[in-house]
Protein backbone atom coordinates (compact mmCIF):
# COMPACT_ATOMS: atom_id res chain seq x y z
CA MET A 1 -17.25 -162.77 -20.39
CA ARG A 2 -16.51 -162.87 -24.12
CA ALA A 3 -16.41 -159.64 -26.10
CA PHE A 4 -16.10 -159.47 -29.87
CA PRO A 5 -14.86 -156.43 -31.82
CA LEU A 6 -17.25 -154.90 -34.32
CA PRO A 7 -16.22 -155.42 -37.96
CA PHE A 8 -18.00 -152.23 -38.96
CA PRO A 9 -18.51 -148.74 -37.47
CA TYR A 10 -21.34 -148.47 -34.97
CA ILE A 11 -22.46 -145.42 -33.07
CA MET A 12 -24.16 -146.40 -29.83
CA PRO A 13 -27.44 -144.50 -29.57
CA ALA A 14 -27.66 -142.30 -26.51
CA PRO A 15 -29.95 -144.07 -24.04
CA SER A 16 -32.94 -142.40 -22.53
CA THR A 17 -32.53 -140.77 -19.12
CA ARG A 18 -31.32 -143.48 -16.82
CA PRO A 19 -33.08 -143.83 -13.51
CA GLU A 20 -31.02 -144.09 -10.34
CA MET A 21 -30.21 -147.67 -9.51
CA PRO A 22 -32.86 -148.87 -7.06
CA GLU A 23 -31.91 -150.64 -3.86
CA MET A 24 -34.52 -153.26 -4.63
CA PRO A 25 -35.24 -154.14 -8.30
CA ASP A 26 -38.68 -155.34 -9.25
CA LEU A 27 -37.22 -158.26 -11.17
CA LEU A 28 -33.96 -160.15 -11.63
CA LEU A 29 -33.38 -162.36 -14.68
CA HIS A 30 -30.51 -164.82 -14.24
CA ALA A 31 -29.44 -166.23 -17.62
CA ARG A 32 -26.88 -168.73 -18.86
CA TRP A 33 -26.08 -166.40 -21.76
CA LEU A 34 -26.72 -162.72 -22.31
CA VAL A 35 -26.57 -161.45 -25.92
CA GLN A 36 -26.07 -157.75 -26.70
CA PRO A 37 -26.24 -157.40 -30.50
CA HIS A 38 -25.52 -153.66 -30.49
CA THR A 39 -21.95 -154.28 -29.27
CA LYS A 40 -21.50 -157.91 -30.36
CA THR A 41 -21.09 -159.00 -26.76
CA LEU A 42 -21.88 -162.42 -25.32
CA LEU A 43 -21.91 -162.62 -21.53
CA GLU A 44 -22.08 -165.85 -19.57
CA ASP A 45 -23.88 -166.36 -16.25
CA HIS A 46 -25.11 -162.79 -15.95
CA THR A 47 -28.14 -161.11 -14.44
CA VAL A 48 -30.34 -158.28 -15.64
CA ALA A 49 -31.97 -156.11 -12.96
CA ILE A 50 -35.25 -154.38 -13.88
CA HIS A 51 -37.10 -151.60 -12.09
CA ASP A 52 -40.15 -149.63 -13.25
CA GLY A 53 -39.98 -151.34 -16.63
CA ASN A 54 -36.36 -150.37 -17.38
CA ILE A 55 -33.04 -152.19 -17.22
CA THR A 56 -31.14 -150.76 -14.26
CA ASP A 57 -28.16 -153.09 -13.93
CA ILE A 58 -26.31 -155.89 -15.73
CA LEU A 59 -23.86 -157.83 -13.60
CA PRO A 60 -22.42 -161.31 -12.96
CA ALA A 61 -25.02 -163.62 -11.47
CA ALA A 62 -22.92 -164.34 -8.38
CA LEU A 63 -22.70 -160.64 -7.59
CA ALA A 64 -26.41 -160.13 -8.26
CA HIS A 65 -27.33 -162.79 -5.71
CA THR A 66 -25.41 -160.82 -3.11
CA ARG A 67 -26.30 -157.27 -4.14
CA TYR A 68 -29.99 -157.92 -4.76
CA ALA A 69 -30.71 -160.80 -2.41
CA GLN A 70 -34.12 -159.37 -1.51
CA ALA A 71 -35.34 -158.58 -5.03
CA ARG A 72 -39.10 -158.82 -5.34
CA GLU A 73 -39.03 -161.44 -8.10
CA GLN A 74 -36.30 -163.60 -9.59
CA VAL A 75 -36.44 -165.79 -12.70
CA ALA A 76 -33.83 -168.48 -13.35
CA LEU A 77 -33.01 -169.14 -16.99
CA PRO A 78 -30.33 -171.83 -16.59
CA GLN A 79 -29.97 -172.93 -20.24
CA HIS A 80 -31.39 -169.86 -21.93
CA VAL A 81 -30.20 -166.96 -24.02
CA LEU A 82 -31.53 -163.61 -22.79
CA MET A 83 -31.58 -160.98 -25.55
CA PRO A 84 -33.46 -157.89 -26.74
CA GLY A 85 -36.96 -158.55 -28.01
CA LEU A 86 -37.26 -158.78 -31.79
CA ILE A 87 -38.70 -155.85 -33.74
CA ASN A 88 -40.80 -156.48 -36.85
CA LEU A 89 -40.04 -153.48 -39.06
CA HIS A 90 -42.89 -154.07 -41.52
CA THR A 91 -46.22 -155.82 -41.29
CA HIS A 92 -49.95 -155.44 -41.83
CA ALA A 93 -51.08 -156.99 -38.57
CA ALA A 94 -54.82 -157.28 -39.18
CA MET A 95 -54.16 -159.26 -42.36
CA THR A 96 -53.66 -162.36 -40.22
CA LEU A 97 -57.35 -162.88 -41.00
CA LEU A 98 -56.43 -163.17 -44.70
CA ARG A 99 -53.65 -165.69 -44.13
CA GLY A 100 -53.35 -167.91 -47.20
CA ILE A 101 -56.48 -166.78 -49.07
CA ALA A 102 -54.66 -166.24 -52.40
CA ASP A 103 -51.39 -168.11 -52.43
CA ASP A 104 -49.02 -168.83 -55.34
CA LEU A 105 -50.11 -165.94 -57.54
CA PRO A 106 -48.11 -163.15 -59.24
CA PHE A 107 -47.86 -160.05 -57.07
CA MET A 108 -50.11 -157.67 -59.00
CA GLU A 109 -52.75 -160.36 -59.59
CA TRP A 110 -52.57 -161.29 -55.91
CA LEU A 111 -52.95 -157.64 -54.86
CA HIS A 112 -55.48 -156.26 -57.36
CA GLN A 113 -57.69 -159.30 -57.94
CA HIS A 114 -57.72 -160.89 -54.50
CA ILE A 115 -56.35 -158.87 -51.58
CA TRP A 116 -57.82 -155.44 -52.32
CA PRO A 117 -61.27 -156.90 -53.21
CA ALA A 118 -61.25 -158.96 -50.00
CA GLU A 119 -60.32 -155.91 -47.96
CA ALA A 120 -63.01 -153.82 -49.65
CA LYS A 121 -65.58 -156.40 -48.62
CA TRP A 122 -64.43 -157.38 -45.14
CA VAL A 123 -62.24 -154.73 -43.50
CA SER A 124 -64.07 -153.08 -40.61
CA PRO A 125 -63.29 -151.94 -37.06
CA GLN A 126 -64.02 -155.46 -35.77
CA PHE A 127 -61.86 -157.05 -38.48
CA VAL A 128 -58.91 -154.82 -37.57
CA TYR A 129 -59.32 -155.37 -33.84
CA ASP A 130 -59.62 -159.17 -34.11
CA GLY A 131 -56.89 -159.51 -36.74
CA THR A 132 -54.46 -157.29 -34.86
CA LEU A 133 -55.13 -159.10 -31.58
CA LEU A 134 -54.41 -162.42 -33.29
CA ALA A 135 -51.21 -161.00 -34.81
CA CYS A 136 -50.04 -159.62 -31.46
CA ALA A 137 -50.47 -163.05 -29.90
CA GLU A 138 -48.50 -164.73 -32.67
CA MET A 139 -45.72 -162.17 -32.52
CA LEU A 140 -45.38 -162.18 -28.74
CA LYS A 141 -45.17 -165.97 -28.62
CA GLY A 142 -42.47 -165.77 -31.29
CA GLY A 143 -40.33 -163.27 -29.37
CA ILE A 144 -41.44 -160.08 -31.16
CA THR A 145 -41.88 -157.25 -28.66
CA CYS A 146 -42.48 -154.41 -31.14
CA PHE A 147 -43.88 -154.13 -34.66
CA ASN A 148 -44.28 -151.45 -37.31
CA ASP A 149 -47.75 -151.60 -38.84
CA MET A 150 -49.45 -150.24 -41.93
CA TYR A 151 -53.22 -150.59 -41.95
CA PHE A 152 -56.59 -148.96 -41.26
CA PHE A 153 -58.92 -148.19 -38.31
CA LEU A 154 -56.08 -147.11 -36.07
CA ASP A 155 -58.15 -146.81 -32.90
CA ASP A 156 -59.12 -150.47 -33.14
CA ALA A 157 -55.55 -151.53 -33.88
CA ALA A 158 -54.33 -149.42 -30.95
CA THR A 159 -56.89 -151.02 -28.63
CA ALA A 160 -55.66 -154.49 -29.60
CA VAL A 161 -52.04 -153.44 -29.04
CA ALA A 162 -52.85 -151.94 -25.65
CA GLU A 163 -54.73 -155.07 -24.55
CA SER A 164 -51.99 -157.43 -25.69
CA GLY A 165 -49.16 -155.49 -24.06
CA ILE A 166 -46.89 -155.51 -27.09
CA ARG A 167 -45.18 -152.36 -28.38
CA ALA A 168 -46.15 -150.96 -31.81
CA ALA A 169 -45.55 -148.13 -34.24
CA LEU A 170 -48.87 -147.65 -36.04
CA GLY A 171 -48.76 -146.34 -39.57
CA ILE A 172 -51.11 -143.60 -40.71
CA THR A 173 -51.83 -145.21 -44.08
CA VAL A 174 -52.36 -142.94 -47.08
CA LEU A 175 -54.04 -144.05 -50.34
CA GLU A 176 -55.78 -142.18 -53.13
CA PHE A 177 -58.69 -144.61 -53.44
CA PRO A 178 -61.46 -145.22 -50.91
CA ASN A 179 -62.03 -148.09 -48.52
CA ALA A 180 -64.20 -148.67 -45.48
CA TRP A 181 -62.09 -146.33 -43.36
CA ALA A 182 -61.62 -143.28 -45.60
CA LYS A 183 -62.62 -142.01 -49.02
CA ASN A 184 -59.44 -140.18 -50.10
CA ALA A 185 -55.91 -139.28 -49.03
CA ASP A 186 -57.02 -136.24 -47.02
CA GLU A 187 -59.46 -138.30 -44.99
CA TYR A 188 -56.88 -141.05 -44.35
CA LEU A 189 -54.54 -138.42 -42.95
CA GLU A 190 -57.24 -136.63 -40.99
CA LYS A 191 -58.47 -139.81 -39.30
CA GLY A 192 -54.97 -141.14 -38.73
CA LEU A 193 -53.72 -137.94 -37.13
CA ALA A 194 -56.79 -137.79 -34.91
CA ALA A 195 -56.12 -141.35 -33.72
CA ARG A 196 -52.50 -140.45 -33.06
CA GLU A 197 -53.63 -137.55 -30.90
CA ARG A 198 -55.88 -139.84 -28.87
CA TRP A 199 -53.19 -142.46 -28.30
CA ARG A 200 -49.93 -140.50 -28.39
CA ASN A 201 -49.37 -140.73 -24.62
CA HIS A 202 -49.76 -144.49 -24.42
CA PRO A 203 -46.38 -145.91 -23.32
CA ASN A 204 -46.40 -148.75 -25.86
CA LEU A 205 -47.51 -146.80 -28.91
CA SER A 206 -45.77 -144.58 -31.43
CA PHE A 207 -46.78 -143.57 -34.95
CA CYS A 208 -45.46 -143.34 -38.51
CA LEU A 209 -46.78 -141.74 -41.66
CA ALA A 210 -47.42 -144.58 -44.10
CA PRO A 211 -48.09 -143.56 -47.71
CA HIS A 212 -48.70 -146.96 -49.27
CA ALA A 213 -46.46 -146.84 -52.36
CA PRO A 214 -45.47 -144.58 -55.27
CA TYR A 215 -48.00 -146.36 -57.50
CA SER A 216 -50.90 -145.65 -55.11
CA VAL A 217 -50.11 -142.13 -53.83
CA ASP A 218 -50.10 -138.86 -55.80
CA ASP A 219 -47.52 -136.08 -55.63
CA THR A 220 -49.80 -133.75 -53.66
CA SER A 221 -50.29 -136.36 -50.95
CA PHE A 222 -46.58 -137.16 -50.84
CA VAL A 223 -45.76 -133.49 -50.33
CA ARG A 224 -48.23 -133.28 -47.48
CA VAL A 225 -46.73 -136.41 -45.91
CA ARG A 226 -43.25 -134.92 -46.26
CA ASP A 227 -44.28 -131.72 -44.50
CA LEU A 228 -46.17 -133.51 -41.74
CA ALA A 229 -43.23 -135.83 -41.12
CA ALA A 230 -40.93 -132.84 -40.60
CA GLN A 231 -43.48 -130.98 -38.49
CA LEU A 232 -44.34 -133.93 -36.23
CA ASP A 233 -40.95 -135.68 -36.33
CA LEU A 234 -42.41 -138.96 -37.63
CA PRO A 235 -40.88 -141.73 -39.75
CA VAL A 236 -42.25 -142.26 -43.27
CA HIS A 237 -42.97 -145.93 -43.94
CA LEU A 238 -43.74 -147.01 -47.54
CA HIS A 239 -43.26 -149.79 -50.09
CA ILE A 240 -40.56 -149.10 -52.69
CA HIS A 241 -39.19 -151.00 -55.70
CA GLU A 242 -40.87 -154.26 -54.73
CA THR A 243 -41.33 -155.64 -58.27
CA GLU A 244 -39.95 -154.96 -61.73
CA THR A 245 -43.50 -154.55 -63.04
CA GLU A 246 -44.15 -151.80 -60.51
CA ILE A 247 -41.05 -149.94 -61.67
CA HIS A 248 -41.84 -150.28 -65.38
CA GLU A 249 -45.41 -149.06 -64.89
CA HIS A 250 -44.14 -146.13 -62.82
CA GLU A 251 -41.69 -145.20 -65.59
CA ALA A 252 -44.52 -145.28 -68.13
CA ARG A 253 -46.73 -143.08 -65.96
CA HIS A 254 -44.21 -140.65 -64.44
CA GLY A 255 -41.22 -140.89 -66.75
CA CYS A 256 -38.86 -141.99 -64.00
CA ARG A 257 -38.19 -144.71 -61.47
CA PRO A 258 -40.08 -144.46 -58.14
CA LEU A 259 -37.06 -143.49 -56.04
CA THR A 260 -36.18 -140.73 -58.49
CA ARG A 261 -39.65 -139.28 -57.98
CA LEU A 262 -39.37 -139.58 -54.21
CA GLU A 263 -36.03 -137.76 -54.38
CA ALA A 264 -37.60 -134.90 -56.37
CA LEU A 265 -40.42 -134.67 -53.82
CA GLY A 266 -37.99 -134.44 -50.90
CA LEU A 267 -38.90 -137.78 -49.34
CA ARG A 268 -35.51 -139.47 -49.42
CA THR A 269 -34.48 -138.40 -45.94
CA PRO A 270 -33.34 -140.08 -42.70
CA ARG A 271 -37.05 -140.45 -41.86
CA LEU A 272 -37.67 -142.84 -44.76
CA ILE A 273 -38.22 -146.55 -44.11
CA GLY A 274 -38.30 -148.11 -47.57
CA VAL A 275 -39.96 -151.51 -47.52
CA HIS A 276 -38.73 -154.35 -49.77
CA ALA A 277 -36.24 -152.37 -51.93
CA VAL A 278 -35.71 -155.45 -54.09
CA HIS A 279 -34.87 -153.85 -57.43
CA LEU A 280 -32.24 -151.16 -56.92
CA ASP A 281 -29.37 -150.05 -59.09
CA ALA A 282 -25.99 -148.98 -57.71
CA GLY A 283 -26.85 -145.29 -57.88
CA GLU A 284 -30.07 -145.77 -55.94
CA ILE A 285 -28.25 -147.71 -53.23
CA ALA A 286 -25.62 -145.00 -52.97
CA LEU A 287 -28.20 -142.24 -52.70
CA LEU A 288 -30.24 -144.12 -50.07
CA ALA A 289 -27.04 -144.35 -48.05
CA GLN A 290 -26.13 -140.72 -48.63
CA ARG A 291 -29.59 -139.58 -47.51
CA GLY A 292 -29.52 -141.74 -44.37
CA CYS A 293 -32.60 -143.76 -45.36
CA HIS A 294 -33.55 -147.08 -43.78
CA VAL A 295 -34.70 -150.31 -45.44
CA ALA A 296 -37.14 -152.92 -44.13
CA HIS A 297 -35.99 -156.20 -45.64
CA CYS A 298 -38.74 -158.83 -46.00
CA PRO A 299 -37.05 -161.88 -47.52
CA THR A 300 -39.87 -164.43 -47.14
CA SER A 301 -42.53 -162.17 -48.64
CA ASN A 302 -40.21 -161.20 -51.47
CA LEU A 303 -39.71 -164.85 -52.35
CA LYS A 304 -43.28 -165.99 -51.87
CA LEU A 305 -44.69 -163.27 -54.14
CA GLY A 306 -41.96 -163.84 -56.71
CA SER A 307 -40.65 -160.31 -56.31
CA GLY A 308 -36.99 -161.29 -56.25
CA VAL A 309 -34.05 -161.15 -53.85
CA ALA A 310 -33.06 -157.80 -52.38
CA PRO A 311 -29.35 -156.88 -52.58
CA LEU A 312 -28.90 -157.07 -48.82
CA ALA A 313 -25.12 -157.36 -48.76
CA ALA A 314 -24.78 -154.31 -51.02
CA LEU A 315 -27.18 -152.30 -48.84
CA LEU A 316 -25.20 -153.14 -45.71
CA GLU A 317 -21.87 -152.52 -47.38
CA ALA A 318 -23.10 -149.06 -48.40
CA GLY A 319 -23.84 -148.30 -44.76
CA ILE A 320 -27.63 -148.35 -45.01
CA ASN A 321 -29.46 -149.21 -41.80
CA VAL A 322 -31.46 -152.37 -42.55
CA GLY A 323 -34.08 -153.98 -40.34
CA LEU A 324 -36.18 -157.08 -40.87
CA GLY A 325 -39.91 -157.36 -41.50
CA THR A 326 -42.33 -160.20 -42.07
CA ASP A 327 -44.84 -158.29 -44.19
CA GLY A 328 -48.45 -159.33 -43.57
CA ALA A 329 -49.61 -162.89 -43.00
CA ALA A 330 -51.39 -162.81 -46.36
CA SER A 331 -48.04 -162.73 -48.13
CA ASN A 332 -45.67 -164.64 -45.86
CA ASN A 333 -47.67 -166.50 -44.18
CA ARG A 334 -45.94 -166.33 -40.78
CA LEU A 335 -45.12 -163.43 -38.49
CA ASP A 336 -41.84 -165.10 -37.58
CA LEU A 337 -38.63 -163.09 -37.29
CA PHE A 338 -36.50 -166.14 -36.50
CA GLN A 339 -37.39 -167.33 -39.99
CA GLU A 340 -36.54 -163.92 -41.45
CA MET A 341 -33.17 -163.76 -39.70
CA ARG A 342 -32.08 -167.14 -41.00
CA LEU A 343 -33.41 -166.57 -44.51
CA ALA A 344 -31.85 -163.10 -44.75
CA SER A 345 -28.46 -164.49 -43.80
CA LEU A 346 -28.65 -167.48 -46.16
CA LEU A 347 -29.98 -165.50 -49.12
CA ALA A 348 -27.21 -162.92 -48.79
CA LYS A 349 -24.59 -165.67 -48.90
CA GLY A 350 -26.25 -167.44 -51.82
CA PHE A 351 -26.99 -164.26 -53.76
CA LEU A 352 -23.32 -163.31 -53.77
CA GLY A 353 -22.34 -166.88 -54.55
CA HIS A 354 -18.82 -166.52 -53.24
CA ASP A 355 -18.88 -165.15 -49.70
CA ALA A 356 -20.18 -167.35 -46.88
CA SER A 357 -19.23 -164.62 -44.41
CA ALA A 358 -21.95 -162.28 -45.71
CA VAL A 359 -24.54 -161.31 -43.06
CA PRO A 360 -23.17 -163.35 -40.15
CA ALA A 361 -25.38 -164.26 -37.22
CA TRP A 362 -24.48 -161.15 -35.23
CA GLN A 363 -25.54 -158.91 -38.11
CA ALA A 364 -28.84 -160.76 -38.55
CA LEU A 365 -29.55 -160.25 -34.84
CA ARG A 366 -28.80 -156.55 -35.14
CA MET A 367 -31.20 -156.25 -38.07
CA ALA A 368 -33.95 -157.82 -35.98
CA THR A 369 -33.33 -155.65 -32.91
CA CYS A 370 -31.37 -152.38 -32.64
CA ASN A 371 -31.36 -151.60 -36.38
CA ALA A 372 -35.14 -151.78 -36.55
CA ALA A 373 -35.50 -149.66 -33.40
CA ARG A 374 -33.24 -147.01 -34.91
CA ALA A 375 -35.33 -146.91 -38.10
CA LEU A 376 -38.47 -146.29 -36.06
CA GLY A 377 -36.88 -143.50 -34.04
CA LEU A 378 -37.01 -145.77 -30.97
CA GLY A 379 -33.29 -146.46 -30.75
CA GLU A 380 -32.99 -144.65 -27.44
CA LYS A 381 -35.79 -146.69 -25.89
CA THR A 382 -35.86 -150.29 -27.10
CA GLY A 383 -34.01 -152.85 -29.22
CA THR A 384 -30.94 -152.81 -26.98
CA LEU A 385 -30.06 -154.80 -23.87
CA ALA A 386 -28.29 -152.15 -21.82
CA THR A 387 -28.94 -150.09 -18.71
CA GLY A 388 -31.43 -147.28 -19.22
CA TYR A 389 -33.40 -149.07 -21.94
CA ALA A 390 -36.87 -150.52 -21.69
CA ALA A 391 -36.88 -154.11 -20.48
CA ASP A 392 -38.18 -155.48 -23.78
CA LEU A 393 -36.49 -158.86 -23.53
CA ILE A 394 -36.91 -162.47 -24.60
CA ALA A 395 -35.49 -165.76 -23.32
CA VAL A 396 -34.74 -168.54 -25.79
CA ASP A 397 -34.44 -172.05 -24.29
CA LEU A 398 -31.53 -173.94 -25.84
CA ASP A 399 -31.96 -176.98 -23.58
CA CYS A 400 -33.76 -179.24 -26.02
CA GLN A 401 -32.65 -182.22 -28.08
CA GLU A 402 -32.84 -180.61 -31.52
CA LEU A 403 -30.50 -177.80 -30.39
CA GLN A 404 -27.71 -180.02 -29.07
CA PRO A 405 -24.80 -179.60 -28.92
CA CYS A 406 -24.44 -175.83 -28.70
CA PHE A 407 -20.98 -174.45 -29.43
CA ASP A 408 -22.06 -170.90 -30.30
CA PRO A 409 -25.32 -169.54 -28.82
CA VAL A 410 -25.38 -166.61 -31.25
CA SER A 411 -25.13 -168.86 -34.30
CA HIS A 412 -27.79 -171.09 -32.73
CA LEU A 413 -30.23 -168.19 -32.45
CA VAL A 414 -30.09 -167.51 -36.19
CA HIS A 415 -29.35 -170.86 -37.78
CA CYS A 416 -30.85 -173.45 -35.45
CA ALA A 417 -33.41 -172.12 -32.94
CA GLY A 418 -36.90 -170.98 -33.89
CA ARG A 419 -39.81 -169.11 -32.43
CA GLU A 420 -40.97 -172.35 -30.78
CA HIS A 421 -37.96 -172.11 -28.47
CA VAL A 422 -38.95 -168.71 -27.04
CA SER A 423 -39.86 -169.44 -23.43
CA HIS A 424 -40.36 -165.98 -21.91
CA VAL A 425 -41.15 -162.48 -23.19
CA TRP A 426 -41.11 -159.22 -21.28
CA VAL A 427 -42.32 -155.86 -22.63
CA GLY A 428 -41.50 -152.89 -20.45
CA GLY A 429 -40.56 -155.32 -17.69
CA LYS A 430 -43.97 -156.98 -17.67
CA CYS A 431 -44.04 -160.68 -18.47
CA ARG A 432 -46.23 -161.41 -21.50
CA VAL A 433 -45.11 -164.99 -22.20
CA SER A 434 -44.05 -167.44 -19.49
CA ALA A 435 -43.01 -171.05 -20.05
CA LYS A 436 -44.11 -170.64 -23.70
CA THR A 437 -47.63 -169.68 -22.58
CA LEU A 438 -49.18 -166.36 -23.57
CA LEU A 439 -50.40 -164.59 -20.44
CA ASP A 440 -53.54 -162.46 -20.15
CA SER A 441 -55.00 -163.99 -23.30
CA SER A 442 -57.29 -166.88 -24.15
CA PRO A 443 -56.07 -168.96 -27.12
CA ALA A 444 -59.49 -170.57 -27.41
CA THR A 445 -61.16 -167.17 -27.76
CA LEU A 446 -58.64 -165.99 -30.37
CA ASN A 447 -59.01 -169.21 -32.33
CA GLN A 448 -62.79 -168.95 -32.24
CA ARG A 449 -62.69 -165.39 -33.59
CA ALA A 450 -60.38 -166.48 -36.40
CA ARG A 451 -62.66 -169.40 -37.28
CA LEU A 452 -65.69 -167.13 -37.46
CA TRP A 453 -63.88 -164.82 -39.87
CA ARG A 454 -62.73 -167.80 -41.91
CA ASN A 455 -66.31 -168.98 -42.25
CA ASP A 456 -67.40 -165.53 -43.47
CA ILE A 457 -64.50 -164.88 -45.83
CA ALA A 458 -64.19 -168.33 -47.40
CA PRO A 459 -65.69 -168.43 -50.92
């Protein structure tokens, strides 16, 4: 066993009620390496015992073979890293069907002249169901066991999530202008809250309030979101300070920067998940930290849309909880958190220009797992490989030529391995990917649905 001290303060979230250790686990996972990002611990030749979807024991493999010799199922992972499933803190899942339709354009031109018109024409219950199902498949195969979404037609998105077996926090999107789902902010909220009521007891689903952005939501709607968030104990998930143009236009319209307005409206609270947060001054970073806000860092999307490079090292140094997001496939174009981990780490080093120790591999792993779970209010349930937590786990196979030799499995996960090396995925103890094959899903059917949408949408 190798244990590494944390270089920064970390308060271990209290786990959910731990079940009594069963005499006979449902499943034993024997792994060459076990990675626990929340405590910076790397264990060798250890076993995870799972019962009723939760982790019930972590012990040396030799002891597990004796203690649990009659376990119902055992999986050997002889050259694998076993770790918490990745959590995508920001995406628009159904937008997989718009992957690449308007590339290499400035952000506002991309959004106003291409994406919003395409959504106005094509978004429907079937679009959301098919696009979300396709996104769930991509994310599961890439080791993502939970995602935070912001889109429309929540019942159809929830159905896709339930069928795929992934875990999701669905955003109740709020906008002032109409689309196929709702005609104004009140109707967005009404329909979203009704969907939440229908699905709130599903074990894999939670919800957020998701006012789109300060430039698309009025004060009255923000106040209602603030009050509902407090009443229902829900996170508030919105885009902030993504581009300089957005900030300048907000100053012209409201006489202040977006975060200043959110502060005046009482929205800078520990419930806030600010997405992108690219253009921040020192005072804004300090106040986000003081208020206990969270940030969803989306490095690939920020670069691809020309938005800039977020001050990740400064955010982390201030003590802000930062998770990683892919954004939607229309602006990335991959739902790939291995890519985001590596890029986040490299950009932080390059942005500072003098500190190669910025955002080390352990910190990147935390951003993609326990940090994101904490932001979603799920830190007591998932994102952590420890007893009492949901068995949302992935195995990464390091026994391939392009990953040899391996001196440090943790560094390999961030700087060398990719989503193509994910061999197994479990969500709530149920296997969703085995031997790199998505279970309970037909790739041919998903591909055919995507091709049909491509034929309709293509100009």
